[in-house]
Amino acid sequence: MYVREATERVSIAILDDYQNVALSMAPWERLPRGVTVHAFADHVAGERALVERLKPFDAVVLMRERTPFPRRVIEALPNLKLVITTGRRNASLDVEACRERGIVVCGTDLGGFSTAELTWGLILTLVRGIVKEDASVRDGRWQTGLGRELFGKTLGVLGLGRLGTRVARIGQAFGMRTIAWSRHLTGERAAAAGTQRVEKERLFSEADVVTIHLVLGERTRGLVGARELALMKSTAYLVNTSRGPIVDEEALVAALRSGAIAGAALDVFDIEPLPSDHPLRMLPNTVITPHIGYVTEENYRIFFQQAFENLEGWLEGTPRRELEAPS
């Protein structure tokens, strides 16, 4: 078990602090003398550049999955002793590789239903054309488009877990019929959420809005492809606040360009940050946000306060909130 000696110097890197708030969200000044914390606001793309940046550091705090942390990176950092990821699950972090090298891995809690709230912000923005109307007014014009109502429409929820259920409940409050699908969803569990379990094909063909709330894995990667998009109504919308690779991005771009579906609202992408020349940036029937489902003051305070507590415990030889390698 690692225990810091009183005279030992320890350096901690916080990655992808885009908003420059990490150092103000926890009492880092309470750390023992000789322990330094450096927060990086920029994103490092590429494993070689990442390794060069992190070579001097003993511990790294990862903000969710913004920076992939595979085995190759871990094995190239001989000084690394501790990794803290915000949240309890990080698909881009090789926990097993850390364990093999004796690196402690800790996580944090994730509060509230911020992603469900953003989902509804995106749905309303999309169906009522809020971004376009805002731009129109600022440009001196007035009432340039027609929105659509949600009342009486069908909401299709892919994944009826904690967040999916929350999204479905809000849809019901809007007077929407709600249907849901996932591989292991039962009719009883769907009914308990006030919705109906249907087969995947029926969900895509009947829904006016399809919203994704699945965990990314081998069975969900590319789950929404050209076949599923072709089943959707030309007046229907797709919303993804889960993980980009669940949707075949190339097929989605083709469907949006051709008008096969009315539009899409996306908070997640295959490559993040989204490349400046990506076609999704250019399409007029999209609303895109920079993976901000969890980016709230309340969540950040949980993330960084618990990251601080994890670091403090590790320095004292009693790591907190340790994560196990996935089985």
C-alpha atoms as a PDB file:
ATOM      1  CA  MET A   1       0.000   0.000   0.000  1.00  0.00           C
ATOM      2  CA  TYR A   2       1.342   3.404  -0.988  1.00  0.00           C
ATOM      3  CA  VAL A   3       1.789   5.870   1.862  1.00  0.00           C
ATOM      4  CA  ARG A   4       3.347   9.256   1.178  1.00  0.00           C
ATOM      5  CA  GLU A   5       6.430  10.166   3.180  1.00  0.00           C
ATOM      6  CA  ALA A   6       6.405  13.631   4.730  1.00  0.00           C
ATOM      7  CA  THR A   7       9.222  14.871   2.496  1.00  0.00           C
ATOM      8  CA  GLU A   8       8.046  13.219  -0.726  1.00  0.00           C
ATOM      9  CA  ARG A   9       6.900  15.427  -3.590  1.00  0.00           C
ATOM     10  CA  VAL A  10       3.767  14.305  -5.444  1.00  0.00           C
ATOM     11  CA  SER A  11       2.347  15.868  -8.622  1.00  0.00           C
ATOM     12  CA  ILE A  12      -1.271  15.557  -9.747  1.00  0.00           C
ATOM     13  CA  ALA A  13      -2.629  16.407 -13.213  1.00  0.00           C
ATOM     14  CA  ILE A  14      -6.285  17.237 -13.834  1.00  0.00           C
ATOM     15  CA  LEU A  15      -7.105  16.790 -17.515  1.00  0.00           C
ATOM     16  CA  ASP A  16      -9.635  18.539 -19.766  1.00  0.00           C
ATOM     17  CA  ASP A  17     -10.710  21.255 -17.338  1.00  0.00           C
ATOM     18  CA  TYR A  18     -12.403  23.072 -20.219  1.00  0.00           C
ATOM     19  CA  GLN A  19     -14.168  25.610 -17.997  1.00  0.00           C
ATOM     20  CA  ASN A  20     -11.140  26.348 -15.781  1.00  0.00           C
ATOM     21  CA  VAL A  21     -13.107  25.520 -12.639  1.00  0.00           C
ATOM     22  CA  ALA A  22     -11.438  22.406 -11.191  1.00  0.00           C
ATOM     23  CA  LEU A  23      -9.174  24.267  -8.773  1.00  0.00           C
ATOM     24  CA  SER A  24     -12.092  26.267  -7.374  1.00  0.00           C
ATOM     25  CA  MET A  25     -14.365  23.263  -6.808  1.00  0.00           C
ATOM     26  CA  ALA A  26     -12.413  21.543  -4.013  1.00  0.00           C
ATOM     27  CA  PRO A  27     -10.070  22.542  -1.150  1.00  0.00           C
ATOM     28  CA  TRP A  28      -6.858  21.503  -2.886  1.00  0.00           C
ATOM     29  CA  GLU A  29      -4.934  23.922  -0.658  1.00  0.00           C
ATOM     30  CA  ARG A  30      -5.511  21.501   2.227  1.00  0.00           C
ATOM     31  CA  LEU A  31      -3.245  18.905   0.637  1.00  0.00           C
ATOM     32  CA  PRO A  32       0.067  18.293   2.423  1.00  0.00           C
ATOM     33  CA  ARG A  33       3.137  20.362   1.596  1.00  0.00           C
ATOM     34  CA  GLY A  34       4.951  19.008  -1.411  1.00  0.00           C
ATOM     35  CA  VAL A  35       1.745  17.884  -3.153  1.00  0.00           C
ATOM     36  CA  THR A  36       1.015  20.004  -6.238  1.00  0.00           C
ATOM     37  CA  VAL A  37      -2.033  20.023  -8.491  1.00  0.00           C
ATOM     38  CA  HIS A  38      -1.981  21.252 -12.091  1.00  0.00           C
ATOM     39  CA  ALA A  39      -5.214  21.611 -14.078  1.00  0.00           C
ATOM     40  CA  PHE A  40      -5.023  21.573 -17.884  1.00  0.00           C
ATOM     41  CA  ALA A  41      -7.798  23.410 -19.714  1.00  0.00           C
ATOM     42  CA  ASP A  42      -6.809  22.221 -23.180  1.00  0.00           C
ATOM     43  CA  HIS A  43      -7.450  18.803 -24.686  1.00  0.00           C
ATOM     44  CA  VAL A  44      -4.468  16.725 -25.780  1.00  0.00           C
ATOM     45  CA  ALA A  45      -5.184  14.687 -28.905  1.00  0.00           C
ATOM     46  CA  GLY A  46      -2.926  11.725 -29.587  1.00  0.00           C
ATOM     47  CA  GLU A  47      -1.311   9.219 -27.248  1.00  0.00           C
ATOM     48  CA  ARG A  48       2.277  10.388 -27.792  1.00  0.00           C
ATOM     49  CA  ALA A  49       1.471  13.971 -26.834  1.00  0.00           C
ATOM     50  CA  LEU A  50      -0.545  12.766 -23.846  1.00  0.00           C
ATOM     51  CA  VAL A  51       2.321  10.616 -22.561  1.00  0.00           C
ATOM     52  CA  GLU A  52       4.774  13.493 -22.913  1.00  0.00           C
ATOM     53  CA  ARG A  53       2.481  15.742 -20.899  1.00  0.00           C
ATOM     54  CA  LEU A  54       1.893  13.237 -18.118  1.00  0.00           C
ATOM     55  CA  LYS A  55       5.386  11.793 -17.640  1.00  0.00           C
ATOM     56  CA  PRO A  56       6.186  14.051 -14.627  1.00  0.00           C
ATOM     57  CA  PHE A  57       2.954  13.257 -12.787  1.00  0.00           C
ATOM     58  CA  ASP A  58       2.221  10.665 -10.109  1.00  0.00           C
ATOM     59  CA  ALA A  59      -1.567  10.898 -10.286  1.00  0.00           C
ATOM     60  CA  VAL A  60      -4.119  11.842 -12.940  1.00  0.00           C
ATOM     61  CA  VAL A  61      -7.717  13.000 -12.606  1.00  0.00           C
ATOM     62  CA  LEU A  62      -9.786  12.196 -15.705  1.00  0.00           C
ATOM     63  CA  MET A  63     -12.954  14.083 -16.563  1.00  0.00           C
ATOM     64  CA  ARG A  64     -15.254  11.269 -17.673  1.00  0.00           C
ATOM     65  CA  GLU A  65     -14.150   9.897 -21.072  1.00  0.00           C
ATOM     66  CA  ARG A  66     -12.787  13.094 -22.594  1.00  0.00           C
ATOM     67  CA  THR A  67      -9.256  11.662 -22.820  1.00  0.00           C
ATOM     68  CA  PRO A  68      -8.911   7.947 -23.647  1.00  0.00           C
ATOM     69  CA  PHE A  69      -6.582   6.128 -21.243  1.00  0.00           C
ATOM     70  CA  PRO A  70      -5.761   2.771 -22.831  1.00  0.00           C
ATOM     71  CA  ARG A  71      -3.102   0.223 -21.880  1.00  0.00           C
ATOM     72  CA  ARG A  72      -0.502   1.784 -24.219  1.00  0.00           C
ATOM     73  CA  VAL A  73      -0.670   5.100 -22.376  1.00  0.00           C
ATOM     74  CA  ILE A  74      -0.681   3.494 -18.938  1.00  0.00           C
ATOM     75  CA  GLU A  75       2.372   1.361 -19.686  1.00  0.00           C
ATOM     76  CA  ALA A  76       4.263   4.410 -20.973  1.00  0.00           C
ATOM     77  CA  LEU A  77       3.885   6.259 -17.644  1.00  0.00           C
ATOM     78  CA  PRO A  78       6.233   4.608 -15.128  1.00  0.00           C
ATOM     79  CA  ASN A  79       5.627   7.273 -12.456  1.00  0.00           C
ATOM     80  CA  LEU A  80       1.856   6.847 -12.456  1.00  0.00           C
ATOM     81  CA  LYS A  81       0.472   5.523  -9.166  1.00  0.00           C
ATOM     82  CA  LEU A  82      -3.118   6.773  -9.036  1.00  0.00           C
ATOM     83  CA  VAL A  83      -5.909   7.388 -11.555  1.00  0.00           C
ATOM     84  CA  ILE A  84      -9.163   9.061 -10.521  1.00  0.00           C
ATOM     85  CA  THR A  85     -12.030   9.139 -12.977  1.00  0.00           C
ATOM     86  CA  THR A  86     -15.084  11.279 -12.417  1.00  0.00           C
ATOM     87  CA  GLY A  87     -18.060   8.939 -12.370  1.00  0.00           C
ATOM     88  CA  ARG A  88     -18.031   5.240 -11.543  1.00  0.00           C
ATOM     89  CA  ARG A  89     -17.707   3.960 -15.107  1.00  0.00           C
ATOM     90  CA  ASN A  90     -15.210   5.020 -17.758  1.00  0.00           C
ATOM     91  CA  ALA A  91     -15.195   2.943 -20.944  1.00  0.00           C
ATOM     92  CA  SER A  92     -12.024   4.656 -22.198  1.00  0.00           C
ATOM     93  CA  LEU A  93      -9.951   3.731 -19.114  1.00  0.00           C
ATOM     94  CA  ASP A  94      -8.235   0.331 -19.004  1.00  0.00           C
ATOM     95  CA  VAL A  95      -8.733  -0.474 -15.328  1.00  0.00           C
ATOM     96  CA  GLU A  96      -7.215  -3.943 -15.701  1.00  0.00           C
ATOM     97  CA  ALA A  97      -3.979  -2.499 -17.110  1.00  0.00           C
ATOM     98  CA  CYS A  98      -3.816  -0.172 -14.112  1.00  0.00           C
ATOM     99  CA  ARG A  99      -4.349  -3.050 -11.702  1.00  0.00           C
ATOM    100  CA  GLU A 100      -1.570  -5.076 -13.342  1.00  0.00           C
ATOM    101  CA  ARG A 101       0.884  -2.221 -12.758  1.00  0.00           C
ATOM    102  CA  GLY A 102      -0.215  -1.584  -9.182  1.00  0.00           C
ATOM    103  CA  ILE A 103      -1.941   1.685 -10.049  1.00  0.00           C
ATOM    104  CA  VAL A 104      -4.887   2.522  -7.803  1.00  0.00           C
ATOM    105  CA  VAL A 105      -8.088   3.475  -9.651  1.00  0.00           C
ATOM    106  CA  CYS A 106     -10.822   5.484  -7.919  1.00  0.00           C
ATOM    107  CA  GLY A 107     -14.123   6.967  -9.067  1.00  0.00           C
ATOM    108  CA  THR A 108     -16.709   9.463  -7.905  1.00  0.00           C
ATOM    109  CA  ASP A 109     -20.458   9.684  -7.682  1.00  0.00           C
ATOM    110  CA  LEU A 110     -22.589  11.327 -10.361  1.00  0.00           C
ATOM    111  CA  GLY A 111     -25.526  13.339  -9.111  1.00  0.00           C
ATOM    112  CA  GLY A 112     -29.045  13.991 -10.276  1.00  0.00           C
ATOM    113  CA  PHE A 113     -30.660  13.729 -13.683  1.00  0.00           C
ATOM    114  CA  SER A 114     -28.780  16.408 -15.575  1.00  0.00           C
ATOM    115  CA  THR A 115     -28.559  14.354 -18.766  1.00  0.00           C
ATOM    116  CA  ALA A 116     -32.312  13.731 -18.737  1.00  0.00           C
ATOM    117  CA  GLU A 117     -32.870  17.470 -18.384  1.00  0.00           C
ATOM    118  CA  LEU A 118     -30.539  18.212 -21.293  1.00  0.00           C
ATOM    119  CA  THR A 119     -32.342  15.571 -23.375  1.00  0.00           C
ATOM    120  CA  TRP A 120     -35.551  17.509 -23.043  1.00  0.00           C
ATOM    121  CA  GLY A 121     -33.815  20.787 -23.744  1.00  0.00           C
ATOM    122  CA  LEU A 122     -32.564  19.276 -26.996  1.00  0.00           C
ATOM    123  CA  ILE A 123     -35.945  17.776 -27.924  1.00  0.00           C
ATOM    124  CA  LEU A 124     -37.752  21.086 -27.424  1.00  0.00           C
ATOM    125  CA  THR A 125     -35.042  23.029 -29.234  1.00  0.00           C
ATOM    126  CA  LEU A 126     -35.243  20.635 -32.160  1.00  0.00           C
ATOM    127  CA  VAL A 127     -39.000  20.334 -32.620  1.00  0.00           C
ATOM    128  CA  ARG A 128     -39.725  24.040 -32.056  1.00  0.00           C
ATOM    129  CA  GLY A 129     -36.766  25.337 -34.068  1.00  0.00           C
ATOM    130  CA  ILE A 130     -35.560  27.438 -31.157  1.00  0.00           C
ATOM    131  CA  VAL A 131     -31.986  27.904 -32.399  1.00  0.00           C
ATOM    132  CA  LYS A 132     -33.167  29.012 -35.846  1.00  0.00           C
ATOM    133  CA  GLU A 133     -35.783  31.404 -34.448  1.00  0.00           C
ATOM    134  CA  ASP A 134     -33.264  32.907 -32.037  1.00  0.00           C
ATOM    135  CA  ALA A 135     -30.849  33.516 -34.914  1.00  0.00           C
ATOM    136  CA  SER A 136     -33.683  34.918 -37.016  1.00  0.00           C
ATOM    137  CA  VAL A 137     -34.689  37.493 -34.418  1.00  0.00           C
ATOM    138  CA  ARG A 138     -31.070  38.551 -33.907  1.00  0.00           C
ATOM    139  CA  ASP A 139     -30.815  38.975 -37.679  1.00  0.00           C
ATOM    140  CA  GLY A 140     -33.816  41.327 -37.742  1.00  0.00           C
ATOM    141  CA  ARG A 141     -36.394  38.837 -38.975  1.00  0.00           C
ATOM    142  CA  TRP A 142     -39.567  37.542 -37.336  1.00  0.00           C
ATOM    143  CA  GLN A 143     -41.340  34.140 -37.316  1.00  0.00           C
ATOM    144  CA  THR A 144     -39.535  32.304 -40.091  1.00  0.00           C
ATOM    145  CA  GLY A 145     -40.541  28.694 -39.432  1.00  0.00           C
ATOM    146  CA  LEU A 146     -43.188  26.318 -38.078  1.00  0.00           C
ATOM    147  CA  GLY A 147     -42.579  24.228 -34.997  1.00  0.00           C
ATOM    148  CA  ARG A 148     -44.268  20.974 -34.047  1.00  0.00           C
ATOM    149  CA  GLU A 149     -46.153  20.015 -30.895  1.00  0.00           C
ATOM    150  CA  LEU A 150     -45.302  17.039 -28.714  1.00  0.00           C
ATOM    151  CA  PHE A 151     -48.779  16.425 -27.289  1.00  0.00           C
ATOM    152  CA  GLY A 152     -50.241  13.237 -28.740  1.00  0.00           C
ATOM    153  CA  LYS A 153     -46.969  12.232 -30.401  1.00  0.00           C
ATOM    154  CA  THR A 154     -44.984   9.049 -29.666  1.00  0.00           C
ATOM    155  CA  LEU A 155     -41.698   9.053 -27.765  1.00  0.00           C
ATOM    156  CA  GLY A 156     -39.468   6.024 -28.345  1.00  0.00           C
ATOM    157  CA  VAL A 157     -36.942   5.394 -25.558  1.00  0.00           C
ATOM    158  CA  LEU A 158     -33.963   3.144 -26.258  1.00  0.00           C
ATOM    159  CA  GLY A 159     -32.871   2.010 -22.807  1.00  0.00           C
ATOM    160  CA  LEU A 160     -35.297   2.309 -19.907  1.00  0.00           C
ATOM    161  CA  GLY A 161     -32.833   2.550 -17.046  1.00  0.00           C
ATOM    162  CA  ARG A 162     -32.642   5.368 -14.518  1.00  0.00           C
ATOM    163  CA  LEU A 163     -32.214   8.136 -17.107  1.00  0.00           C
ATOM    164  CA  GLY A 164     -34.448   6.579 -19.740  1.00  0.00           C
ATOM    165  CA  THR A 165     -37.263   6.224 -17.220  1.00  0.00           C
ATOM    166  CA  ARG A 166     -36.859   9.859 -16.205  1.00  0.00           C
ATOM    167  CA  VAL A 167     -37.024  10.959 -19.842  1.00  0.00           C
ATOM    168  CA  ALA A 168     -40.110   8.798 -20.419  1.00  0.00           C
ATOM    169  CA  ARG A 169     -41.884  10.270 -17.381  1.00  0.00           C
ATOM    170  CA  ILE A 170     -41.300  13.795 -18.656  1.00  0.00           C
ATOM    171  CA  GLY A 171     -42.614  12.750 -22.066  1.00  0.00           C
ATOM    172  CA  GLN A 172     -45.770  11.512 -20.404  1.00  0.00           C
ATOM    173  CA  ALA A 173     -46.127  14.889 -18.682  1.00  0.00           C
ATOM    174  CA  PHE A 174     -46.129  16.454 -22.160  1.00  0.00           C
ATOM    175  CA  GLY A 175     -49.002  14.151 -23.120  1.00  0.00           C
ATOM    176  CA  MET A 176     -46.854  11.855 -25.243  1.00  0.00           C
ATOM    177  CA  ARG A 177     -47.382   8.143 -25.715  1.00  0.00           C
ATOM    178  CA  THR A 178     -44.177   6.419 -24.619  1.00  0.00           C
ATOM    179  CA  ILE A 179     -42.747   3.169 -25.942  1.00  0.00           C
ATOM    180  CA  ALA A 180     -39.423   1.584 -25.036  1.00  0.00           C
ATOM    181  CA  TRP A 181     -36.964  -1.127 -26.047  1.00  0.00           C
ATOM    182  CA  SER A 182     -33.740  -2.676 -24.851  1.00  0.00           C
ATOM    183  CA  ARG A 183     -32.548  -6.270 -25.091  1.00  0.00           C
ATOM    184  CA  HIS A 184     -33.391  -7.169 -21.510  1.00  0.00           C
ATOM    185  CA  LEU A 185     -36.378  -4.885 -20.926  1.00  0.00           C
ATOM    186  CA  THR A 186     -39.471  -6.760 -19.765  1.00  0.00           C
ATOM    187  CA  GLY A 187     -43.072  -5.743 -20.276  1.00  0.00           C
ATOM    188  CA  GLU A 188     -43.540  -5.550 -16.520  1.00  0.00           C
ATOM    189  CA  ARG A 189     -40.634  -3.168 -16.011  1.00  0.00           C
ATOM    190  CA  ALA A 190     -41.816  -0.993 -18.886  1.00  0.00           C
ATOM    191  CA  ALA A 191     -45.324  -0.880 -17.446  1.00  0.00           C
ATOM    192  CA  ALA A 192     -43.926   0.165 -14.063  1.00  0.00           C
ATOM    193  CA  ALA A 193     -42.469   3.211 -15.825  1.00  0.00           C
ATOM    194  CA  GLY A 194     -45.822   3.980 -17.439  1.00  0.00           C
ATOM    195  CA  THR A 195     -44.631   2.933 -20.872  1.00  0.00           C
ATOM    196  CA  GLN A 196     -44.985  -0.017 -23.252  1.00  0.00           C
ATOM    197  CA  ARG A 197     -42.258  -2.423 -24.317  1.00  0.00           C
ATOM    198  CA  VAL A 198     -42.134  -2.933 -28.079  1.00  0.00           C
ATOM    199  CA  GLU A 199     -39.678  -4.570 -30.450  1.00  0.00           C
ATOM    200  CA  LYS A 200     -36.876  -2.388 -31.760  1.00  0.00           C
ATOM    201  CA  GLU A 201     -38.218  -2.233 -35.324  1.00  0.00           C
ATOM    202  CA  ARG A 202     -41.635  -1.104 -34.122  1.00  0.00           C
ATOM    203  CA  LEU A 203     -40.098   1.588 -31.938  1.00  0.00           C
ATOM    204  CA  PHE A 204     -38.222   3.124 -34.865  1.00  0.00           C
ATOM    205  CA  SER A 205     -41.201   2.963 -37.189  1.00  0.00           C
ATOM    206  CA  GLU A 206     -43.772   4.409 -34.756  1.00  0.00           C
ATOM    207  CA  ALA A 207     -41.826   7.002 -32.755  1.00  0.00           C
ATOM    208  CA  ASP A 208     -41.947  10.698 -33.579  1.00  0.00           C
ATOM    209  CA  VAL A 209     -38.912  11.214 -31.355  1.00  0.00           C
ATOM    210  CA  VAL A 210     -36.340   8.467 -30.683  1.00  0.00           C
ATOM    211  CA  THR A 211     -34.082   9.128 -27.695  1.00  0.00           C
ATOM    212  CA  ILE A 212     -31.083   6.977 -26.744  1.00  0.00           C
ATOM    213  CA  HIS A 213     -30.188   6.065 -23.141  1.00  0.00           C
ATOM    214  CA  LEU A 214     -28.060   2.909 -23.484  1.00  0.00           C
ATOM    215  CA  VAL A 215     -24.614   2.066 -22.174  1.00  0.00           C
ATOM    216  CA  LEU A 216     -21.983   1.792 -24.904  1.00  0.00           C
ATOM    217  CA  GLY A 217     -20.669  -1.754 -25.298  1.00  0.00           C
ATOM    218  CA  GLU A 218     -20.007  -4.348 -27.939  1.00  0.00           C
ATOM    219  CA  ARG A 219     -23.728  -5.098 -28.279  1.00  0.00           C
ATOM    220  CA  THR A 220     -24.785  -1.464 -28.574  1.00  0.00           C
ATOM    221  CA  ARG A 221     -21.984  -0.079 -30.749  1.00  0.00           C
ATOM    222  CA  GLY A 222     -23.563   0.793 -34.119  1.00  0.00           C
ATOM    223  CA  LEU A 223     -26.984  -0.297 -32.845  1.00  0.00           C
ATOM    224  CA  VAL A 224     -28.665   2.580 -34.680  1.00  0.00           C
ATOM    225  CA  GLY A 225     -27.593   2.210 -38.283  1.00  0.00           C
ATOM    226  CA  ALA A 226     -28.911   2.726 -41.799  1.00  0.00           C
ATOM    227  CA  ARG A 227     -31.544   0.011 -41.339  1.00  0.00           C
ATOM    228  CA  GLU A 228     -32.998   1.554 -38.189  1.00  0.00           C
ATOM    229  CA  LEU A 229     -32.905   5.095 -39.602  1.00  0.00           C
ATOM    230  CA  ALA A 230     -34.718   3.876 -42.726  1.00  0.00           C
ATOM    231  CA  LEU A 231     -37.564   2.630 -40.514  1.00  0.00           C
ATOM    232  CA  MET A 232     -38.156   6.111 -39.068  1.00  0.00           C
ATOM    233  CA  LYS A 233     -40.803   8.503 -40.345  1.00  0.00           C
ATOM    234  CA  SER A 234     -39.573  11.374 -42.484  1.00  0.00           C
ATOM    235  CA  THR A 235     -41.073  13.677 -39.840  1.00  0.00           C
ATOM    236  CA  ALA A 236     -39.278  11.967 -36.919  1.00  0.00           C
ATOM    237  CA  TYR A 237     -36.288  13.117 -34.890  1.00  0.00           C
ATOM    238  CA  LEU A 238     -33.340  11.293 -33.324  1.00  0.00           C
ATOM    239  CA  VAL A 239     -31.789  12.428 -30.025  1.00  0.00           C
ATOM    240  CA  ASN A 240     -28.559  11.017 -28.582  1.00  0.00           C
ATOM    241  CA  THR A 241     -27.211  12.078 -25.191  1.00  0.00           C
ATOM    242  CA  SER A 242     -25.667   8.672 -24.409  1.00  0.00           C
ATOM    243  CA  ARG A 243     -22.522   7.827 -26.443  1.00  0.00           C
ATOM    244  CA  GLY A 244     -21.734   8.708 -30.035  1.00  0.00           C
ATOM    245  CA  PRO A 245     -20.720   5.250 -31.339  1.00  0.00           C
ATOM    246  CA  ILE A 246     -24.155   3.804 -30.533  1.00  0.00           C
ATOM    247  CA  VAL A 247     -25.245   5.561 -33.733  1.00  0.00           C
ATOM    248  CA  ASP A 248     -23.599   4.919 -37.101  1.00  0.00           C
ATOM    249  CA  GLU A 249     -22.514   8.510 -37.716  1.00  0.00           C
ATOM    250  CA  GLU A 250     -22.052   8.102 -41.466  1.00  0.00           C
ATOM    251  CA  ALA A 251     -25.534   6.620 -41.849  1.00  0.00           C
ATOM    252  CA  LEU A 252     -27.014   9.414 -39.745  1.00  0.00           C
ATOM    253  CA  VAL A 253     -25.375  12.122 -41.857  1.00  0.00           C
ATOM    254  CA  ALA A 254     -26.767  10.462 -44.997  1.00  0.00           C
ATOM    255  CA  ALA A 255     -30.275  10.299 -43.509  1.00  0.00           C
ATOM    256  CA  LEU A 256     -30.159  13.948 -42.472  1.00  0.00           C
ATOM    257  CA  ARG A 257     -28.847  15.107 -45.850  1.00  0.00           C
ATOM    258  CA  SER A 258     -31.499  13.197 -47.778  1.00  0.00           C
ATOM    259  CA  GLY A 259     -34.382  14.239 -45.537  1.00  0.00           C
ATOM    260  CA  ALA A 260     -35.076  10.616 -44.595  1.00  0.00           C
ATOM    261  CA  ILE A 261     -35.578  11.937 -41.045  1.00  0.00           C
ATOM    262  CA  ALA A 262     -36.532  15.454 -40.010  1.00  0.00           C
ATOM    263  CA  GLY A 263     -33.573  16.145 -37.783  1.00  0.00           C
ATOM    264  CA  ALA A 264     -31.267  15.089 -34.975  1.00  0.00           C
ATOM    265  CA  ALA A 265     -30.105  16.548 -31.677  1.00  0.00           C
ATOM    266  CA  LEU A 266     -26.735  15.248 -30.540  1.00  0.00           C
ATOM    267  CA  ASP A 267     -24.646  15.788 -27.422  1.00  0.00           C
ATOM    268  CA  VAL A 268     -22.194  12.959 -28.145  1.00  0.00           C
ATOM    269  CA  PHE A 269     -20.031  12.001 -31.118  1.00  0.00           C
ATOM    270  CA  ASP A 270     -17.563   9.386 -32.374  1.00  0.00           C
ATOM    271  CA  ILE A 271     -14.665  11.832 -31.997  1.00  0.00           C
ATOM    272  CA  GLU A 272     -14.713  14.463 -29.262  1.00  0.00           C
ATOM    273  CA  PRO A 273     -14.133  17.356 -29.493  1.00  0.00           C
ATOM    274  CA  LEU A 274     -16.031  17.254 -32.795  1.00  0.00           C
ATOM    275  CA  PRO A 275     -13.628  18.031 -35.683  1.00  0.00           C
ATOM    276  CA  SER A 276     -14.061  21.500 -37.141  1.00  0.00           C
ATOM    277  CA  ASP A 277     -14.798  20.132 -40.627  1.00  0.00           C
ATOM    278  CA  HIS A 278     -17.263  17.463 -39.505  1.00  0.00           C
ATOM    279  CA  PRO A 279     -20.431  17.382 -41.675  1.00  0.00           C
ATOM    280  CA  LEU A 280     -22.706  17.422 -38.618  1.00  0.00           C
ATOM    281  CA  ARG A 281     -21.555  21.001 -38.031  1.00  0.00           C
ATOM    282  CA  MET A 282     -22.849  22.022 -41.449  1.00  0.00           C
ATOM    283  CA  LEU A 283     -26.278  20.391 -41.523  1.00  0.00           C
ATOM    284  CA  PRO A 284     -29.212  22.766 -40.939  1.00  0.00           C
ATOM    285  CA  ASN A 285     -31.472  20.079 -39.411  1.00  0.00           C
ATOM    286  CA  THR A 286     -29.261  19.361 -36.410  1.00  0.00           C
ATOM    287  CA  VAL A 287     -28.831  20.742 -32.916  1.00  0.00           C
ATOM    288  CA  ILE A 288     -25.421  19.857 -31.530  1.00  0.00           C
ATOM    289  CA  THR A 289     -23.950  20.437 -28.079  1.00  0.00           C
ATOM    290  CA  PRO A 290     -20.425  19.604 -26.782  1.00  0.00           C
ATOM    291  CA  HIS A 291     -21.155  16.578 -24.535  1.00  0.00           C
ATOM    292  CA  ILE A 292     -22.622  18.644 -21.711  1.00  0.00           C
ATOM    293  CA  GLY A 293     -25.182  16.192 -20.355  1.00  0.00           C
ATOM    294  CA  TYR A 294     -23.244  15.926 -17.081  1.00  0.00           C
ATOM    295  CA  VAL A 295     -21.675  19.406 -17.222  1.00  0.00           C
ATOM    296  CA  THR A 296     -23.435  21.236 -14.404  1.00  0.00           C
ATOM    297  CA  GLU A 297     -22.131  23.075 -11.363  1.00  0.00           C
ATOM    298  CA  GLU A 298     -23.771  20.516  -9.099  1.00  0.00           C
ATOM    299  CA  ASN A 299     -22.088  17.548 -10.801  1.00  0.00           C
ATOM    300  CA  TYR A 300     -18.724  19.268 -10.979  1.00  0.00           C
ATOM    301  CA  ARG A 301     -18.786  19.967  -7.245  1.00  0.00           C
ATOM    302  CA  ILE A 302     -19.418  16.267  -6.604  1.00  0.00           C
ATOM    303  CA  PHE A 303     -16.702  15.241  -9.062  1.00  0.00           C
ATOM    304  CA  PHE A 304     -13.911  17.436  -7.775  1.00  0.00           C
ATOM    305  CA  GLN A 305     -14.789  17.275  -4.075  1.00  0.00           C
ATOM    306  CA  GLN A 306     -14.759  13.482  -4.198  1.00  0.00           C
ATOM    307  CA  ALA A 307     -11.637  13.448  -6.393  1.00  0.00           C
ATOM    308  CA  PHE A 308      -9.971  15.517  -3.669  1.00  0.00           C
ATOM    309  CA  GLU A 309     -11.184  13.077  -0.986  1.00  0.00           C
ATOM    310  CA  ASN A 310      -9.923  10.124  -3.042  1.00  0.00           C
ATOM    311  CA  LEU A 311      -6.528  11.763  -3.442  1.00  0.00           C
ATOM    312  CA  GLU A 312      -6.358  12.647   0.243  1.00  0.00           C
ATOM    313  CA  GLY A 313      -7.174   9.060   1.217  1.00  0.00           C
ATOM    314  CA  TRP A 314      -4.602   7.640  -1.179  1.00  0.00           C
ATOM    315  CA  LEU A 315      -1.896   9.901   0.242  1.00  0.00           C
ATOM    316  CA  GLU A 316      -2.775   8.574   3.710  1.00  0.00           C
ATOM    317  CA  GLY A 317      -2.687   4.943   2.521  1.00  0.00           C
ATOM    318  CA  THR A 318      -6.469   4.420   2.537  1.00  0.00           C
ATOM    319  CA  PRO A 319      -7.827   4.926  -1.023  1.00  0.00           C
ATOM    320  CA  ARG A 320     -11.523   5.738  -1.269  1.00  0.00           C
ATOM    321  CA  ARG A 321     -14.092   4.704  -3.867  1.00  0.00           C
ATOM    322  CA  GLU A 322     -11.783   2.215  -5.539  1.00  0.00           C
ATOM    323  CA  LEU A 323     -13.058   0.774  -8.821  1.00  0.00           C
ATOM    324  CA  GLU A 324     -12.809  -2.877  -9.797  1.00  0.00           C
ATOM    325  CA  ALA A 325     -11.748  -3.974 -13.263  1.00  0.00           C
ATOM    326  CA  PRO A 326     -14.805  -5.012 -15.320  1.00  0.00           C
ATOM    327  CA  SER A 327     -15.347  -8.764 -15.424  1.00  0.00           C
END
